[in-house]
Amino acid sequence: MKKNRVMAGYHMLMILSEVDGEFAKSEGKIIVDYLKSAFPYKLNLDSEMEELSALPKEDYFLHFNNSMNDFYEDSTPRERNAFLKYAVKMVKADKKITPEENKYLKELFFAWESEYEE
């Protein structure tokens, strides 16, 4: 099922927070900041959490790619640029970037390469 931009971004950030096997408090703060900036109203994330909790780790990359495509279809270049900054903050949040996190981040930058502005 296609996700809107906000939920697709949430899914990507949650996966980025989990691929290294540890969820740091600093990563949770980035997700909250993203949700507040992207959608200032209170969200019910129960069904999203349920979907992500049931997702086997071996399906993370496919789900990440699907969410990445959904986000792209439902966003402007400015929104994609802002999201890329959140993704970079996410992988840096625990002060180490694992090869797995780097793989996901590279996939995102490769897909949206022409969108990113330094």
C-alpha atoms as a PDB file:
ATOM      1  CA  MET A   1       0.000   0.000   0.000  1.00  0.00           C
ATOM      2  CA  LYS A   2       1.349   3.419  -0.994  1.00  0.00           C
ATOM      3  CA  LYS A   3       2.322   5.665   1.900  1.00  0.00           C
ATOM      4  CA  ASN A   4       2.073   9.437   1.993  1.00  0.00           C
ATOM      5  CA  ARG A   5       5.257  11.485   2.290  1.00  0.00           C
ATOM      6  CA  VAL A   6       5.173  11.805   6.086  1.00  0.00           C
ATOM      7  CA  MET A   7       4.582   8.100   6.754  1.00  0.00           C
ATOM      8  CA  ALA A   8       7.095   7.027   4.109  1.00  0.00           C
ATOM      9  CA  GLY A   9       9.696   9.268   5.770  1.00  0.00           C
ATOM     10  CA  TYR A  10       8.806   7.857   9.175  1.00  0.00           C
ATOM     11  CA  HIS A  11       9.292   4.306   7.889  1.00  0.00           C
ATOM     12  CA  MET A  12      12.662   5.160   6.343  1.00  0.00           C
ATOM     13  CA  LEU A  13      13.913   6.826   9.535  1.00  0.00           C
ATOM     14  CA  MET A  14      12.707   3.927  11.678  1.00  0.00           C
ATOM     15  CA  ILE A  15      14.521   1.451   9.439  1.00  0.00           C
ATOM     16  CA  LEU A  16      17.684   3.592   9.517  1.00  0.00           C
ATOM     17  CA  SER A  17      17.450   3.579  13.307  1.00  0.00           C
ATOM     18  CA  GLU A  18      17.189  -0.218  13.421  1.00  0.00           C
ATOM     19  CA  VAL A  19      19.637  -1.486  10.778  1.00  0.00           C
ATOM     20  CA  ASP A  20      22.616  -1.247  13.130  1.00  0.00           C
ATOM     21  CA  GLY A  21      20.795  -3.415  15.681  1.00  0.00           C
ATOM     22  CA  GLU A  22      20.518  -0.653  18.299  1.00  0.00           C
ATOM     23  CA  PHE A  23      17.940   2.069  18.821  1.00  0.00           C
ATOM     24  CA  ALA A  24      19.559   5.071  20.516  1.00  0.00           C
ATOM     25  CA  LYS A  25      17.591   7.713  22.399  1.00  0.00           C
ATOM     26  CA  SER A  26      19.175  10.348  20.115  1.00  0.00           C
ATOM     27  CA  GLU A  27      17.661   8.549  17.113  1.00  0.00           C
ATOM     28  CA  GLY A  28      14.210   8.683  18.677  1.00  0.00           C
ATOM     29  CA  LYS A  29      14.562  12.440  19.108  1.00  0.00           C
ATOM     30  CA  ILE A  30      15.348  12.857  15.402  1.00  0.00           C
ATOM     31  CA  ILE A  31      12.225  10.883  14.477  1.00  0.00           C
ATOM     32  CA  VAL A  32      10.091  13.062  16.767  1.00  0.00           C
ATOM     33  CA  ASP A  33      11.661  16.224  15.304  1.00  0.00           C
ATOM     34  CA  TYR A  34      10.969  14.976  11.778  1.00  0.00           C
ATOM     35  CA  LEU A  35       7.333  14.200  12.555  1.00  0.00           C
ATOM     36  CA  LYS A  36       6.809  17.589  14.201  1.00  0.00           C
ATOM     37  CA  SER A  37       8.306  19.443  11.248  1.00  0.00           C
ATOM     38  CA  ALA A  38       6.591  17.344   8.562  1.00  0.00           C
ATOM     39  CA  PHE A  39       3.175  17.097  10.167  1.00  0.00           C
ATOM     40  CA  PRO A  40       2.475  19.420  13.096  1.00  0.00           C
ATOM     41  CA  TYR A  41      -0.696  17.596  14.194  1.00  0.00           C
ATOM     42  CA  LYS A  42      -0.780  14.627  16.537  1.00  0.00           C
ATOM     43  CA  LEU A  43      -0.424  11.337  14.680  1.00  0.00           C
ATOM     44  CA  ASN A  44      -1.550   7.868  15.637  1.00  0.00           C
ATOM     45  CA  LEU A  45       1.409   5.671  14.752  1.00  0.00           C
ATOM     46  CA  ASP A  46       0.065   2.401  16.193  1.00  0.00           C
ATOM     47  CA  SER A  47      -0.593   0.764  12.820  1.00  0.00           C
ATOM     48  CA  GLU A  48       2.751   2.017  11.479  1.00  0.00           C
ATOM     49  CA  MET A  49       4.605   0.608  14.493  1.00  0.00           C
ATOM     50  CA  GLU A  50       2.734  -2.669  14.136  1.00  0.00           C
ATOM     51  CA  GLU A  51       3.728  -2.920  10.466  1.00  0.00           C
ATOM     52  CA  LEU A  52       7.377  -2.107  11.198  1.00  0.00           C
ATOM     53  CA  SER A  53       7.533  -4.472  14.186  1.00  0.00           C
ATOM     54  CA  ALA A  54       6.291  -7.355  12.050  1.00  0.00           C
ATOM     55  CA  LEU A  55       8.805  -6.627   9.277  1.00  0.00           C
ATOM     56  CA  PRO A  56      11.589  -9.232   9.152  1.00  0.00           C
ATOM     57  CA  LYS A  57      15.070  -7.684   9.070  1.00  0.00           C
ATOM     58  CA  GLU A  58      15.760  -9.307   5.702  1.00  0.00           C
ATOM     59  CA  ASP A  59      12.873  -7.255   4.244  1.00  0.00           C
ATOM     60  CA  TYR A  60      14.146  -3.895   5.546  1.00  0.00           C
ATOM     61  CA  PHE A  61      15.947  -2.920   2.342  1.00  0.00           C
ATOM     62  CA  LEU A  62      12.955  -3.645   0.091  1.00  0.00           C
ATOM     63  CA  HIS A  63      10.605  -1.816   2.466  1.00  0.00           C
ATOM     64  CA  PHE A  64      13.049   1.100   2.648  1.00  0.00           C
ATOM     65  CA  ASN A  65      13.122   1.301  -1.162  1.00  0.00           C
ATOM     66  CA  ASN A  66       9.331   1.163  -1.407  1.00  0.00           C
ATOM     67  CA  SER A  67       9.043   3.942   1.179  1.00  0.00           C
ATOM     68  CA  MET A  68      11.726   5.939  -0.623  1.00  0.00           C
ATOM     69  CA  ASN A  69       9.729   5.737  -3.863  1.00  0.00           C
ATOM     70  CA  ASP A  70       6.469   6.646  -2.114  1.00  0.00           C
ATOM     71  CA  PHE A  71       8.141   9.663  -0.502  1.00  0.00           C
ATOM     72  CA  TYR A  72       9.573  10.762  -3.847  1.00  0.00           C
ATOM     73  CA  GLU A  73       6.188  10.584  -5.600  1.00  0.00           C
ATOM     74  CA  ASP A  74       4.502  12.635  -2.870  1.00  0.00           C
ATOM     75  CA  SER A  75       7.127  15.343  -2.301  1.00  0.00           C
ATOM     76  CA  THR A  76       8.796  18.410  -3.718  1.00  0.00           C
ATOM     77  CA  PRO A  77      12.556  18.765  -4.233  1.00  0.00           C
ATOM     78  CA  ARG A  78      12.680  20.978  -1.112  1.00  0.00           C
ATOM     79  CA  GLU A  79      10.939  18.295   0.986  1.00  0.00           C
ATOM     80  CA  ARG A  80      13.317  15.627  -0.307  1.00  0.00           C
ATOM     81  CA  ASN A  81      16.311  17.813   0.484  1.00  0.00           C
ATOM     82  CA  ALA A  82      15.003  18.394   4.018  1.00  0.00           C
ATOM     83  CA  PHE A  83      14.437  14.659   4.479  1.00  0.00           C
ATOM     84  CA  LEU A  84      17.952  13.806   3.320  1.00  0.00           C
ATOM     85  CA  LYS A  85      19.256  16.012   6.126  1.00  0.00           C
ATOM     86  CA  TYR A  86      17.156  14.053   8.644  1.00  0.00           C
ATOM     87  CA  ALA A  87      18.480  10.769   7.232  1.00  0.00           C
ATOM     88  CA  VAL A  88      22.084  11.943   7.630  1.00  0.00           C
ATOM     89  CA  LYS A  89      21.361  13.121  11.199  1.00  0.00           C
ATOM     90  CA  MET A  90      19.817   9.723  11.915  1.00  0.00           C
ATOM     91  CA  VAL A  91      22.860   7.688  10.918  1.00  0.00           C
ATOM     92  CA  LYS A  92      25.179  10.076  12.776  1.00  0.00           C
ATOM     93  CA  ALA A  93      23.013  10.216  15.925  1.00  0.00           C
ATOM     94  CA  ASP A  94      24.849   7.485  17.832  1.00  0.00           C
ATOM     95  CA  LYS A  95      28.292   8.814  16.767  1.00  0.00           C
ATOM     96  CA  LYS A  96      29.043   5.857  14.493  1.00  0.00           C
ATOM     97  CA  ILE A  97      27.993   4.952  10.964  1.00  0.00           C
ATOM     98  CA  THR A  98      27.851   1.228  10.356  1.00  0.00           C
ATOM     99  CA  PRO A  99      28.329  -0.323   6.891  1.00  0.00           C
ATOM    100  CA  GLU A 100      24.634  -1.263   6.916  1.00  0.00           C
ATOM    101  CA  GLU A 101      23.535   2.319   7.678  1.00  0.00           C
ATOM    102  CA  ASN A 102      25.891   3.568   4.988  1.00  0.00           C
ATOM    103  CA  LYS A 103      24.323   1.165   2.462  1.00  0.00           C
ATOM    104  CA  TYR A 104      20.836   2.582   3.099  1.00  0.00           C
ATOM    105  CA  LEU A 105      22.031   6.171   3.080  1.00  0.00           C
ATOM    106  CA  LYS A 106      23.889   5.655  -0.195  1.00  0.00           C
ATOM    107  CA  GLU A 107      20.752   4.139  -1.722  1.00  0.00           C
ATOM    108  CA  LEU A 108      18.786   7.229  -0.751  1.00  0.00           C
ATOM    109  CA  PHE A 109      21.404   9.659  -2.046  1.00  0.00           C
ATOM    110  CA  PHE A 110      21.820   7.683  -5.270  1.00  0.00           C
ATOM    111  CA  ALA A 111      18.064   7.679  -5.924  1.00  0.00           C
ATOM    112  CA  TRP A 112      17.660  11.381  -5.139  1.00  0.00           C
ATOM    113  CA  GLU A 113      21.127  12.536  -6.222  1.00  0.00           C
ATOM    114  CA  SER A 114      19.927  15.349  -8.453  1.00  0.00           C
ATOM    115  CA  GLU A 115      17.757  16.679  -5.614  1.00  0.00           C
ATOM    116  CA  TYR A 116      20.427  17.186  -2.980  1.00  0.00           C
ATOM    117  CA  GLU A 117      21.867  20.619  -2.345  1.00  0.00           C
ATOM    118  CA  GLU A 118      24.787  21.048   0.033  1.00  0.00           C
END
